[in-house]
Amino acid sequence: MTIEVRVPQLPESVADATLVSWHKKPGDAVARDENLVDLETDKVVLEVPHPRPASSLKSSWATARP
């Protein structure tokens, strides 16, 4: 099953965000609201949580799309 993890709504003054770290590897167990990645903007570092109940990450989980 594919789970889409979306970038949180950023203020209009923020043009972009950079993924600075992954907190999980493929095959790791992950729980709802557990931090998956950190995104850095020019003003803040945002934690992006896992949006669903507990699951295991698949190898395609690191695919980023615009």
PDB file of N, CA and C in Angstrom:
ATOM      1  N   MET A   1       0.839  -1.169   0.000  1.00  0.00           N
ATOM      2  CA  MET A   1       0.000   0.000   0.000  1.00  0.00           C
ATOM      3  C   MET A   1       0.890   1.239   0.000  1.00  0.00           C
ATOM      4  N   THR A   2       0.550   2.200  -0.822  1.00  0.00           N
ATOM      5  CA  THR A   2       1.295   3.451  -0.893  1.00  0.00           C
ATOM      6  C   THR A   2       0.610   4.485  -0.011  1.00  0.00           C
ATOM      7  N   ILE A   3       1.402   5.173   0.785  1.00  0.00           N
ATOM      8  CA  ILE A   3       0.895   6.248   1.628  1.00  0.00           C
ATOM      9  C   ILE A   3       1.589   7.523   1.193  1.00  0.00           C
ATOM     10  N   GLU A   4       0.797   8.527   0.894  1.00  0.00           N
ATOM     11  CA  GLU A   4       1.347   9.798   0.468  1.00  0.00           C
ATOM     12  C   GLU A   4       1.624  10.663   1.691  1.00  0.00           C
ATOM     13  N   VAL A   5       2.831  11.168   1.782  1.00  0.00           N
ATOM     14  CA  VAL A   5       3.204  12.081   2.858  1.00  0.00           C
ATOM     15  C   VAL A   5       3.393  13.440   2.208  1.00  0.00           C
ATOM     16  N   ARG A   6       2.618  14.396   2.645  1.00  0.00           N
ATOM     17  CA  ARG A   6       2.646  15.720   2.017  1.00  0.00           C
ATOM     18  C   ARG A   6       3.400  16.742   2.870  1.00  0.00           C
ATOM     19  N   VAL A   7       3.993  17.692   2.180  1.00  0.00           N
ATOM     20  CA  VAL A   7       4.652  18.816   2.853  1.00  0.00           C
ATOM     21  C   VAL A   7       3.560  19.661   3.502  1.00  0.00           C
ATOM     22  N   PRO A   8       3.741  20.043   4.757  1.00  0.00           N
ATOM     23  CA  PRO A   8       2.740  20.899   5.411  1.00  0.00           C
ATOM     24  C   PRO A   8       2.589  22.229   4.669  1.00  0.00           C
ATOM     25  N   GLN A   9       1.458  22.859   4.856  1.00  0.00           N
ATOM     26  CA  GLN A   9       1.209  24.172   4.252  1.00  0.00           C
ATOM     27  C   GLN A   9       2.263  25.157   4.738  1.00  0.00           C
ATOM     28  N   LEU A  10       2.950  25.782   3.793  1.00  0.00           N
ATOM     29  CA  LEU A  10       3.983  26.760   4.131  1.00  0.00           C
ATOM     30  C   LEU A  10       3.428  28.169   3.953  1.00  0.00           C
ATOM     31  N   PRO A  11       3.870  29.122   4.741  1.00  0.00           N
ATOM     32  CA  PRO A  11       3.410  30.509   4.570  1.00  0.00           C
ATOM     33  C   PRO A  11       3.803  31.021   3.185  1.00  0.00           C
ATOM     34  N   GLU A  12       3.050  32.003   2.698  1.00  0.00           N
ATOM     35  CA  GLU A  12       3.322  32.560   1.369  1.00  0.00           C
ATOM     36  C   GLU A  12       4.727  33.151   1.261  1.00  0.00           C
ATOM     37  N   SER A  13       5.289  33.585   2.370  1.00  0.00           N
ATOM     38  CA  SER A  13       6.624  34.193   2.344  1.00  0.00           C
ATOM     39  C   SER A  13       7.733  33.163   2.172  1.00  0.00           C
ATOM     40  N   VAL A  14       7.399  31.864   2.246  1.00  0.00           N
ATOM     41  CA  VAL A  14       8.389  30.793   2.091  1.00  0.00           C
ATOM     42  C   VAL A  14       8.279  30.232   0.680  1.00  0.00           C
ATOM     43  N   ALA A  15       9.353  30.353  -0.088  1.00  0.00           N
ATOM     44  CA  ALA A  15       9.341  29.924  -1.482  1.00  0.00           C
ATOM     45  C   ALA A  15       9.618  28.434  -1.642  1.00  0.00           C
ATOM     46  N   ASP A  16      10.455  27.855  -0.789  1.00  0.00           N
ATOM     47  CA  ASP A  16      10.784  26.441  -0.940  1.00  0.00           C
ATOM     48  C   ASP A  16      11.274  25.855   0.388  1.00  0.00           C
ATOM     49  N   ALA A  17      11.368  24.534   0.375  1.00  0.00           N
ATOM     50  CA  ALA A  17      11.872  23.806   1.543  1.00  0.00           C
ATOM     51  C   ALA A  17      12.804  22.718   1.049  1.00  0.00           C
ATOM     52  N   THR A  18      13.804  22.398   1.853  1.00  0.00           N
ATOM     53  CA  THR A  18      14.782  21.374   1.513  1.00  0.00           C
ATOM     54  C   THR A  18      14.664  20.219   2.495  1.00  0.00           C
ATOM     55  N   LEU A  19      14.631  18.999   1.973  1.00  0.00           N
ATOM     56  CA  LEU A  19      14.617  17.830   2.834  1.00  0.00           C
ATOM     57  C   LEU A  19      16.023  17.670   3.388  1.00  0.00           C
ATOM     58  N   VAL A  20      16.157  17.762   4.719  1.00  0.00           N
ATOM     59  CA  VAL A  20      17.488  17.728   5.322  1.00  0.00           C
ATOM     60  C   VAL A  20      17.813  16.401   5.995  1.00  0.00           C
ATOM     61  N   SER A  21      16.799  15.635   6.400  1.00  0.00           N
ATOM     62  CA  SER A  21      17.105  14.332   6.993  1.00  0.00           C
ATOM     63  C   SER A  21      15.897  13.402   6.986  1.00  0.00           C
ATOM     64  N   TRP A  22      16.198  12.112   6.752  1.00  0.00           N
ATOM     65  CA  TRP A  22      15.206  11.037   6.873  1.00  0.00           C
ATOM     66  C   TRP A  22      15.426  10.396   8.235  1.00  0.00           C
ATOM     67  N   HIS A  23      14.350  10.080   8.937  1.00  0.00           N
ATOM     68  CA  HIS A  23      14.472   9.468  10.254  1.00  0.00           C
ATOM     69  C   HIS A  23      14.202   7.971  10.239  1.00  0.00           C
ATOM     70  N   LYS A  24      13.768   7.450   9.107  1.00  0.00           N
ATOM     71  CA  LYS A  24      13.469   6.020   8.984  1.00  0.00           C
ATOM     72  C   LYS A  24      14.112   5.468   7.725  1.00  0.00           C
ATOM     73  N   LYS A  25      14.351   4.141   7.726  1.00  0.00           N
ATOM     74  CA  LYS A  25      14.895   3.445   6.565  1.00  0.00           C
ATOM     75  C   LYS A  25      13.844   2.460   6.063  1.00  0.00           C
ATOM     76  N   PRO A  26      13.942   2.026   4.805  1.00  0.00           N
ATOM     77  CA  PRO A  26      13.004   1.017   4.303  1.00  0.00           C
ATOM     78  C   PRO A  26      13.002  -0.209   5.217  1.00  0.00           C
ATOM     79  N   GLY A  27      11.799  -0.695   5.527  1.00  0.00           N
ATOM     80  CA  GLY A  27      11.648  -1.852   6.391  1.00  0.00           C
ATOM     81  C   GLY A  27      11.436  -1.497   7.853  1.00  0.00           C
ATOM     82  N   ASP A  28      11.756  -0.257   8.240  1.00  0.00           N
ATOM     83  CA  ASP A  28      11.540   0.174   9.621  1.00  0.00           C
ATOM     84  C   ASP A  28      10.049   0.283   9.918  1.00  0.00           C
ATOM     85  N   ALA A  29       9.679  -0.048  11.146  1.00  0.00           N
ATOM     86  CA  ALA A  29       8.310   0.168  11.601  1.00  0.00           C
ATOM     87  C   ALA A  29       8.144   1.652  11.911  1.00  0.00           C
ATOM     88  N   VAL A  30       6.966   2.161  11.632  1.00  0.00           N
ATOM     89  CA  VAL A  30       6.689   3.572  11.898  1.00  0.00           C
ATOM     90  C   VAL A  30       5.247   3.698  12.404  1.00  0.00           C
ATOM     91  N   ALA A  31       5.061   4.525  13.409  1.00  0.00           N
ATOM     92  CA  ALA A  31       3.744   4.731  14.006  1.00  0.00           C
ATOM     93  C   ALA A  31       3.154   6.059  13.536  1.00  0.00           C
ATOM     94  N   ARG A  32       1.845   6.186  13.672  1.00  0.00           N
ATOM     95  CA  ARG A  32       1.172   7.435  13.315  1.00  0.00           C
ATOM     96  C   ARG A  32       1.806   8.586  14.108  1.00  0.00           C
ATOM     97  N   ASP A  33       1.997   9.699  13.410  1.00  0.00           N
ATOM     98  CA  ASP A  33       2.557  10.931  13.976  1.00  0.00           C
ATOM     99  C   ASP A  33       4.033  10.834  14.372  1.00  0.00           C
ATOM    100  N   GLU A  34       4.700   9.728  14.056  1.00  0.00           N
ATOM    101  CA  GLU A  34       6.138   9.635  14.301  1.00  0.00           C
ATOM    102  C   GLU A  34       6.864  10.424  13.210  1.00  0.00           C
ATOM    103  N   ASN A  35       7.894  11.159  13.586  1.00  0.00           N
ATOM    104  CA  ASN A  35       8.611  11.997  12.633  1.00  0.00           C
ATOM    105  C   ASN A  35       9.304  11.156  11.561  1.00  0.00           C
ATOM    106  N   LEU A  36       9.013  11.456  10.275  1.00  0.00           N
ATOM    107  CA  LEU A  36       9.647  10.760   9.158  1.00  0.00           C
ATOM    108  C   LEU A  36      10.812  11.546   8.579  1.00  0.00           C
ATOM    109  N   VAL A  37      10.580  12.827   8.332  1.00  0.00           N
ATOM    110  CA  VAL A  37      11.598  13.660   7.689  1.00  0.00           C
ATOM    111  C   VAL A  37      11.619  15.045   8.318  1.00  0.00           C
ATOM    112  N   ASP A  38      12.734  15.740   8.112  1.00  0.00           N
ATOM    113  CA  ASP A  38      12.846  17.145   8.497  1.00  0.00           C
ATOM    114  C   ASP A  38      12.997  17.963   7.221  1.00  0.00           C
ATOM    115  N   LEU A  39      12.201  19.025   7.121  1.00  0.00           N
ATOM    116  CA  LEU A  39      12.292  19.960   6.007  1.00  0.00           C
ATOM    117  C   LEU A  39      12.787  21.288   6.541  1.00  0.00           C
ATOM    118  N   GLU A  40      13.732  21.887   5.843  1.00  0.00           N
ATOM    119  CA  GLU A  40      14.287  23.169   6.281  1.00  0.00           C
ATOM    120  C   GLU A  40      13.876  24.264   5.312  1.00  0.00           C
ATOM    121  N   THR A  41      13.346  25.358   5.840  1.00  0.00           N
ATOM    122  CA  THR A  41      13.061  26.553   5.050  1.00  0.00           C
ATOM    123  C   THR A  41      14.065  27.614   5.467  1.00  0.00           C
ATOM    124  N   ASP A  42      13.936  28.795   4.907  1.00  0.00           N
ATOM    125  CA  ASP A  42      14.859  29.861   5.300  1.00  0.00           C
ATOM    126  C   ASP A  42      14.575  30.362   6.721  1.00  0.00           C
ATOM    127  N   LYS A  43      13.451  29.911   7.323  1.00  0.00           N
ATOM    128  CA  LYS A  43      13.081  30.407   8.643  1.00  0.00           C
ATOM    129  C   LYS A  43      13.000  29.342   9.731  1.00  0.00           C
ATOM    130  N   VAL A  44      12.765  28.092   9.362  1.00  0.00           N
ATOM    131  CA  VAL A  44      12.488  27.075  10.376  1.00  0.00           C
ATOM    132  C   VAL A  44      12.757  25.674   9.826  1.00  0.00           C
ATOM    133  N   VAL A  45      12.960  24.715  10.734  1.00  0.00           N
ATOM    134  CA  VAL A  45      13.032  23.303  10.361  1.00  0.00           C
ATOM    135  C   VAL A  45      11.709  22.670  10.782  1.00  0.00           C
ATOM    136  N   LEU A  46      11.025  22.036   9.831  1.00  0.00           N
ATOM    137  CA  LEU A  46       9.732  21.412  10.089  1.00  0.00           C
ATOM    138  C   LEU A  46       9.875  19.906  10.186  1.00  0.00           C
ATOM    139  N   GLU A  47       9.202  19.299  11.146  1.00  0.00           N
ATOM    140  CA  GLU A  47       9.129  17.848  11.233  1.00  0.00           C
ATOM    141  C   GLU A  47       7.872  17.403  10.498  1.00  0.00           C
ATOM    142  N   VAL A  48       8.010  16.408   9.624  1.00  0.00           N
ATOM    143  CA  VAL A  48       6.858  15.891   8.888  1.00  0.00           C
ATOM    144  C   VAL A  48       6.534  14.506   9.441  1.00  0.00           C
ATOM    145  N   PRO A  49       5.360  14.357  10.072  1.00  0.00           N
ATOM    146  CA  PRO A  49       5.005  13.084  10.697  1.00  0.00           C
ATOM    147  C   PRO A  49       4.379  12.091   9.723  1.00  0.00           C
ATOM    148  N   HIS A  50       4.407  10.830  10.095  1.00  0.00           N
ATOM    149  CA  HIS A  50       3.740   9.766   9.348  1.00  0.00           C
ATOM    150  C   HIS A  50       2.234   9.948   9.531  1.00  0.00           C
ATOM    151  N   PRO A  51       1.463   9.970   8.434  1.00  0.00           N
ATOM    152  CA  PRO A  51       0.047  10.319   8.535  1.00  0.00           C
ATOM    153  C   PRO A  51      -0.907   9.172   8.875  1.00  0.00           C
ATOM    154  N   ARG A  52      -0.440   7.935   8.932  1.00  0.00           N
ATOM    155  CA  ARG A  52      -1.333   6.785   9.107  1.00  0.00           C
ATOM    156  C   ARG A  52      -0.963   5.964  10.336  1.00  0.00           C
ATOM    157  N   PRO A  53      -1.845   5.022  10.703  1.00  0.00           N
ATOM    158  CA  PRO A  53      -1.503   4.108  11.797  1.00  0.00           C
ATOM    159  C   PRO A  53      -0.240   3.308  11.483  1.00  0.00           C
ATOM    160  N   ALA A  54       0.259   2.584  12.458  1.00  0.00           N
ATOM    161  CA  ALA A  54       1.513   1.834  12.339  1.00  0.00           C
ATOM    162  C   ALA A  54       1.607   1.035  11.051  1.00  0.00           C
ATOM    163  N   SER A  55       2.800   1.034  10.466  1.00  0.00           N
ATOM    164  CA  SER A  55       3.064   0.275   9.248  1.00  0.00           C
ATOM    165  C   SER A  55       4.569   0.090   9.110  1.00  0.00           C
ATOM    166  N   SER A  56       4.968  -0.560   8.020  1.00  0.00           N
ATOM    167  CA  SER A  56       6.374  -0.756   7.715  1.00  0.00           C
ATOM    168  C   SER A  56       6.671  -0.018   6.418  1.00  0.00           C
ATOM    169  N   LEU A  57       7.786   0.688   6.352  1.00  0.00           N
ATOM    170  CA  LEU A  57       8.124   1.438   5.148  1.00  0.00           C
ATOM    171  C   LEU A  57       8.683   0.517   4.075  1.00  0.00           C
ATOM    172  N   LYS A  58       8.279   0.750   2.851  1.00  0.00           N
ATOM    173  CA  LYS A  58       8.750  -0.026   1.701  1.00  0.00           C
ATOM    174  C   LYS A  58       9.943   0.672   1.070  1.00  0.00           C
ATOM    175  N   SER A  59      10.636  -0.022   0.180  1.00  0.00           N
ATOM    176  CA  SER A  59      11.847   0.532  -0.422  1.00  0.00           C
ATOM    177  C   SER A  59      11.576   1.720  -1.331  1.00  0.00           C
ATOM    178  N   SER A  60      10.352   1.893  -1.827  1.00  0.00           N
ATOM    179  CA  SER A  60      10.042   3.022  -2.699  1.00  0.00           C
ATOM    180  C   SER A  60       9.619   4.253  -1.909  1.00  0.00           C
ATOM    181  N   TRP A  61       9.671   4.205  -0.593  1.00  0.00           N
ATOM    182  CA  TRP A  61       9.190   5.287   0.246  1.00  0.00           C
ATOM    183  C   TRP A  61       9.954   6.586   0.054  1.00  0.00           C
ATOM    184  N   ALA A  62      11.184   6.512  -0.438  1.00  0.00           N
ATOM    185  CA  ALA A  62      12.010   7.721  -0.550  1.00  0.00           C
ATOM    186  C   ALA A  62      11.836   8.449  -1.872  1.00  0.00           C
ATOM    187  N   THR A  63      10.848   8.079  -2.651  1.00  0.00           N
ATOM    188  CA  THR A  63      10.612   8.744  -3.929  1.00  0.00           C
ATOM    189  C   THR A  63       9.938  10.080  -3.686  1.00  0.00           C
ATOM    190  N   ALA A  64      10.561  11.140  -4.101  1.00  0.00           N
ATOM    191  CA  ALA A  64       9.984  12.478  -3.930  1.00  0.00           C
ATOM    192  C   ALA A  64       9.419  12.948  -5.248  1.00  0.00           C
ATOM    193  N   ARG A  65       8.246  13.548  -5.180  1.00  0.00           N
ATOM    194  CA  ARG A  65       7.618  14.114  -6.372  1.00  0.00           C
ATOM    195  C   ARG A  65       7.252  15.545  -6.085  1.00  0.00           C
ATOM    196  N   PRO A  66       7.312  16.391  -7.124  1.00  0.00           N
ATOM    197  CA  PRO A  66       6.928  17.804  -6.914  1.00  0.00           C
ATOM    198  C   PRO A  66       5.449  17.926  -6.625  1.00  0.00           C
TER     199      PRO A  66
END
